[in-house]
Amino acid sequence: MLDAVSGGAPGDLGGPEPLPPGGLAAMVGRDPGRLRVGVLAHAPDHAPQVADEVREAVLDTARILERLGHEVEEAYPARMLDPGASRRSSTR
């Protein structure tokens, strides 16, 4: 399924990374090594806010990833918080 839906979307900056040889399905079961994971557990001020249950699920997942040895920090593309970004990307 991931191989089928992988790729860019209108408004994306740059292009998607090429899929690994054999696609994403070939990566199942492989050790990914230490990952750097950005977490955003709140919605932008101009958008509907995230339900408490959703925020807790995101933070629980972040804690699990940390326990697995990954680097987790609050990080996201600044464009995600830009109120006009979705309007601009939908007109391209």
N, C-alpha and C. Protein backbone atom coordinates (compact mmCIF):
# COMPACT_ATOMS: atom_id res chain seq x y z
N MET A 1 0.82 -1.18 0.00
CA MET A 1 0.00 0.00 0.00
C MET A 1 0.87 1.25 0.00
N LEU A 2 1.94 1.27 0.83
CA LEU A 2 2.80 2.45 0.86
C LEU A 2 3.44 2.73 -0.49
N ASP A 3 3.84 1.69 -1.19
CA ASP A 3 4.43 1.90 -2.52
C ASP A 3 3.41 2.55 -3.45
N ALA A 4 2.15 2.18 -3.33
CA ALA A 4 1.11 2.70 -4.22
C ALA A 4 0.81 4.17 -3.95
N VAL A 5 0.92 4.61 -2.70
CA VAL A 5 0.55 5.99 -2.38
C VAL A 5 1.76 6.90 -2.20
N SER A 6 2.96 6.39 -2.38
CA SER A 6 4.16 7.22 -2.21
C SER A 6 4.30 8.18 -3.37
N GLY A 7 4.83 9.33 -3.07
CA GLY A 7 5.08 10.32 -4.12
C GLY A 7 4.71 11.69 -3.62
N GLY A 8 4.84 12.65 -4.49
CA GLY A 8 4.58 14.04 -4.14
C GLY A 8 3.10 14.38 -4.22
N ALA A 9 2.79 15.55 -3.69
CA ALA A 9 1.43 16.08 -3.75
C ALA A 9 1.51 17.51 -4.25
N PRO A 10 0.43 18.02 -4.83
CA PRO A 10 0.46 19.40 -5.30
C PRO A 10 0.87 20.34 -4.17
N GLY A 11 1.77 21.24 -4.46
CA GLY A 11 2.23 22.20 -3.47
C GLY A 11 3.45 21.76 -2.69
N ASP A 12 3.89 20.51 -2.85
CA ASP A 12 5.08 20.05 -2.14
C ASP A 12 6.29 20.83 -2.63
N LEU A 13 7.19 21.13 -1.72
CA LEU A 13 8.44 21.76 -2.09
C LEU A 13 9.41 20.67 -2.49
N GLY A 14 10.05 20.82 -3.61
CA GLY A 14 10.97 19.78 -4.07
C GLY A 14 10.19 18.56 -4.53
N GLY A 15 10.88 17.50 -4.72
CA GLY A 15 10.21 16.27 -5.14
C GLY A 15 10.36 15.20 -4.09
N PRO A 16 9.60 14.13 -4.23
CA PRO A 16 9.72 13.03 -3.27
C PRO A 16 11.06 12.32 -3.45
N GLU A 17 11.54 11.75 -2.36
CA GLU A 17 12.75 10.93 -2.42
C GLU A 17 12.43 9.70 -3.27
N PRO A 18 13.39 9.24 -4.06
CA PRO A 18 13.13 8.02 -4.82
C PRO A 18 12.92 6.84 -3.88
N LEU A 19 12.08 5.92 -4.29
CA LEU A 19 11.84 4.72 -3.49
C LEU A 19 13.10 3.85 -3.52
N PRO A 20 13.33 3.11 -2.43
CA PRO A 20 14.50 2.21 -2.42
C PRO A 20 14.29 1.07 -3.41
N PRO A 21 15.38 0.40 -3.83
CA PRO A 21 15.21 -0.75 -4.73
C PRO A 21 14.25 -1.77 -4.11
N GLY A 22 13.30 -2.21 -4.87
CA GLY A 22 12.31 -3.16 -4.37
C GLY A 22 11.12 -2.47 -3.71
N GLY A 23 11.15 -1.14 -3.64
CA GLY A 23 10.04 -0.39 -3.03
C GLY A 23 10.08 -0.44 -1.52
N LEU A 24 9.10 0.20 -0.92
CA LEU A 24 9.02 0.25 0.54
C LEU A 24 8.73 -1.12 1.14
N ALA A 25 8.03 -1.95 0.42
CA ALA A 25 7.71 -3.29 0.94
C ALA A 25 9.00 -4.08 1.22
N ALA A 26 10.06 -3.81 0.45
CA ALA A 26 11.32 -4.51 0.67
C ALA A 26 11.99 -4.09 1.97
N MET A 27 11.56 -2.97 2.55
CA MET A 27 12.16 -2.45 3.77
C MET A 27 11.54 -3.06 5.03
N VAL A 28 10.42 -3.74 4.91
CA VAL A 28 9.74 -4.32 6.07
C VAL A 28 10.66 -5.30 6.77
N GLY A 29 10.79 -5.13 8.07
CA GLY A 29 11.61 -6.04 8.86
C GLY A 29 13.07 -5.64 8.96
N ARG A 30 13.50 -4.65 8.19
CA ARG A 30 14.89 -4.20 8.27
C ARG A 30 15.05 -3.20 9.40
N ASP A 31 16.23 -3.19 10.01
CA ASP A 31 16.54 -2.22 11.06
C ASP A 31 16.74 -0.86 10.39
N PRO A 32 15.95 0.16 10.77
CA PRO A 32 16.10 1.46 10.12
C PRO A 32 17.29 2.26 10.64
N GLY A 33 17.95 1.77 11.68
CA GLY A 33 19.00 2.55 12.31
C GLY A 33 18.36 3.62 13.19
N ARG A 34 19.17 4.54 13.66
CA ARG A 34 18.64 5.60 14.52
C ARG A 34 18.00 6.66 13.64
N LEU A 35 16.73 6.94 13.89
CA LEU A 35 15.99 7.92 13.09
C LEU A 35 15.88 9.24 13.83
N ARG A 36 15.77 10.30 13.08
CA ARG A 36 15.50 11.63 13.63
C ARG A 36 14.04 11.92 13.28
N VAL A 37 13.20 12.08 14.31
CA VAL A 37 11.76 12.19 14.12
C VAL A 37 11.28 13.55 14.62
N GLY A 38 10.59 14.28 13.75
CA GLY A 38 9.98 15.55 14.14
C GLY A 38 8.53 15.32 14.53
N VAL A 39 8.11 15.97 15.63
CA VAL A 39 6.76 15.78 16.16
C VAL A 39 6.06 17.14 16.22
N LEU A 40 4.82 17.16 15.81
CA LEU A 40 3.96 18.34 15.96
C LEU A 40 2.67 17.85 16.60
N ALA A 41 2.47 18.20 17.87
CA ALA A 41 1.32 17.68 18.62
C ALA A 41 0.23 18.73 18.82
N HIS A 42 0.29 19.79 18.02
CA HIS A 42 -0.77 20.80 18.09
C HIS A 42 -1.04 21.31 16.68
N ALA A 43 -2.22 21.82 16.50
CA ALA A 43 -2.59 22.38 15.20
C ALA A 43 -2.16 23.84 15.15
N PRO A 44 -1.97 24.38 13.96
CA PRO A 44 -1.70 25.81 13.84
C PRO A 44 -2.86 26.62 14.44
N ASP A 45 -2.57 27.82 14.89
CA ASP A 45 -3.60 28.65 15.51
C ASP A 45 -4.80 28.90 14.60
N HIS A 46 -4.59 28.91 13.29
CA HIS A 46 -5.66 29.21 12.33
C HIS A 46 -6.49 27.97 11.95
N ALA A 47 -6.17 26.82 12.53
CA ALA A 47 -6.86 25.58 12.17
C ALA A 47 -7.60 25.03 13.38
N PRO A 48 -8.54 24.11 13.14
CA PRO A 48 -9.20 23.46 14.28
C PRO A 48 -8.15 22.78 15.16
N GLN A 49 -8.33 22.86 16.45
CA GLN A 49 -7.34 22.30 17.37
C GLN A 49 -7.44 20.78 17.45
N VAL A 50 -6.36 20.19 17.84
CA VAL A 50 -6.25 18.73 17.94
C VAL A 50 -6.94 18.27 19.22
N ALA A 51 -7.71 17.20 19.12
CA ALA A 51 -8.37 16.64 20.29
C ALA A 51 -7.33 16.13 21.27
N ASP A 52 -7.64 16.23 22.56
CA ASP A 52 -6.71 15.79 23.60
C ASP A 52 -6.25 14.36 23.39
N GLU A 53 -7.17 13.48 22.97
CA GLU A 53 -6.83 12.07 22.76
C GLU A 53 -5.81 11.92 21.64
N VAL A 54 -5.95 12.73 20.61
CA VAL A 54 -5.01 12.67 19.48
C VAL A 54 -3.64 13.17 19.93
N ARG A 55 -3.62 14.29 20.64
CA ARG A 55 -2.36 14.84 21.14
C ARG A 55 -1.64 13.81 22.01
N GLU A 56 -2.37 13.15 22.92
CA GLU A 56 -1.77 12.14 23.79
C GLU A 56 -1.23 10.96 22.99
N ALA A 57 -1.95 10.55 21.94
CA ALA A 57 -1.49 9.44 21.10
C ALA A 57 -0.19 9.82 20.39
N VAL A 58 -0.10 11.06 19.91
CA VAL A 58 1.13 11.53 19.26
C VAL A 58 2.28 11.53 20.26
N LEU A 59 2.05 12.06 21.44
CA LEU A 59 3.10 12.13 22.46
C LEU A 59 3.49 10.74 22.96
N ASP A 60 2.52 9.83 23.10
CA ASP A 60 2.83 8.44 23.48
C ASP A 60 3.72 7.79 22.42
N THR A 61 3.39 8.01 21.16
CA THR A 61 4.19 7.46 20.07
C THR A 61 5.60 8.02 20.10
N ALA A 62 5.72 9.33 20.35
CA ALA A 62 7.04 9.96 20.45
C ALA A 62 7.86 9.33 21.57
N ARG A 63 7.22 9.07 22.71
CA ARG A 63 7.94 8.45 23.84
C ARG A 63 8.40 7.03 23.48
N ILE A 64 7.56 6.28 22.78
CA ILE A 64 7.93 4.93 22.36
C ILE A 64 9.14 5.00 21.42
N LEU A 65 9.10 5.92 20.48
CA LEU A 65 10.21 6.05 19.55
C LEU A 65 11.51 6.43 20.27
N GLU A 66 11.41 7.29 21.28
CA GLU A 66 12.58 7.63 22.08
C GLU A 66 13.13 6.41 22.81
N ARG A 67 12.23 5.61 23.40
CA ARG A 67 12.68 4.40 24.11
C ARG A 67 13.35 3.41 23.16
N LEU A 68 12.95 3.45 21.89
CA LEU A 68 13.57 2.57 20.90
C LEU A 68 14.91 3.11 20.41
N GLY A 69 15.31 4.28 20.92
CA GLY A 69 16.62 4.82 20.59
C GLY A 69 16.63 5.90 19.52
N HIS A 70 15.47 6.34 19.08
CA HIS A 70 15.42 7.37 18.04
C HIS A 70 15.48 8.76 18.66
N GLU A 71 15.94 9.72 17.89
CA GLU A 71 15.99 11.12 18.32
C GLU A 71 14.66 11.76 17.98
N VAL A 72 13.92 12.20 19.00
CA VAL A 72 12.60 12.78 18.79
C VAL A 72 12.61 14.20 19.33
N GLU A 73 12.13 15.14 18.53
CA GLU A 73 12.06 16.53 18.96
C GLU A 73 10.85 17.21 18.32
N GLU A 74 10.40 18.28 18.95
CA GLU A 74 9.34 19.06 18.33
C GLU A 74 9.95 19.79 17.15
N ALA A 75 9.62 19.35 15.97
CA ALA A 75 10.18 19.93 14.75
C ALA A 75 9.22 19.67 13.60
N TYR A 76 9.11 20.63 12.72
CA TYR A 76 8.20 20.52 11.57
C TYR A 76 8.56 21.64 10.61
N PRO A 77 8.19 21.49 9.34
CA PRO A 77 8.43 22.57 8.39
C PRO A 77 7.62 23.81 8.79
N ALA A 78 8.25 24.98 8.83
CA ALA A 78 7.56 26.21 9.22
C ALA A 78 6.33 26.45 8.35
N ARG A 79 6.38 25.99 7.12
CA ARG A 79 5.26 26.19 6.20
C ARG A 79 3.97 25.54 6.72
N MET A 80 4.10 24.51 7.55
CA MET A 80 2.91 23.85 8.09
C MET A 80 2.08 24.80 8.94
N LEU A 81 2.70 25.81 9.52
CA LEU A 81 1.98 26.74 10.38
C LEU A 81 1.57 28.01 9.64
N ASP A 82 1.88 28.09 8.35
CA ASP A 82 1.53 29.26 7.54
C ASP A 82 0.06 29.17 7.14
N PRO A 83 -0.78 30.14 7.58
CA PRO A 83 -2.21 30.06 7.27
C PRO A 83 -2.52 30.09 5.78
N GLY A 84 -1.67 30.66 4.96
CA GLY A 84 -1.94 30.74 3.53
C GLY A 84 -1.38 29.60 2.73
N ALA A 85 -0.60 28.72 3.34
CA ALA A 85 0.08 27.66 2.58
C ALA A 85 -0.90 26.73 1.87
N SER A 86 -1.97 26.33 2.53
CA SER A 86 -2.90 25.38 1.89
C SER A 86 -3.65 26.06 0.75
N ARG A 87 -3.95 27.33 0.89
CA ARG A 87 -4.63 28.04 -0.21
C ARG A 87 -3.70 28.17 -1.41
N ARG A 88 -2.44 28.51 -1.18
CA ARG A 88 -1.50 28.68 -2.28
C ARG A 88 -1.24 27.36 -2.98
N SER A 89 -1.11 26.28 -2.24
CA SER A 89 -0.79 24.99 -2.88
C SER A 89 -2.00 24.44 -3.62
N SER A 90 -3.20 24.79 -3.22
CA SER A 90 -4.38 24.26 -3.91
C SER A 90 -4.67 25.00 -5.19
N THR A 91 -4.00 26.15 -5.44
CA THR A 91 -4.25 26.90 -6.66
C THR A 91 -3.19 26.63 -7.71
N ARG A 92 -2.27 25.74 -7.45
CA ARG A 92 -1.21 25.43 -8.44
C ARG A 92 -1.67 24.41 -9.41
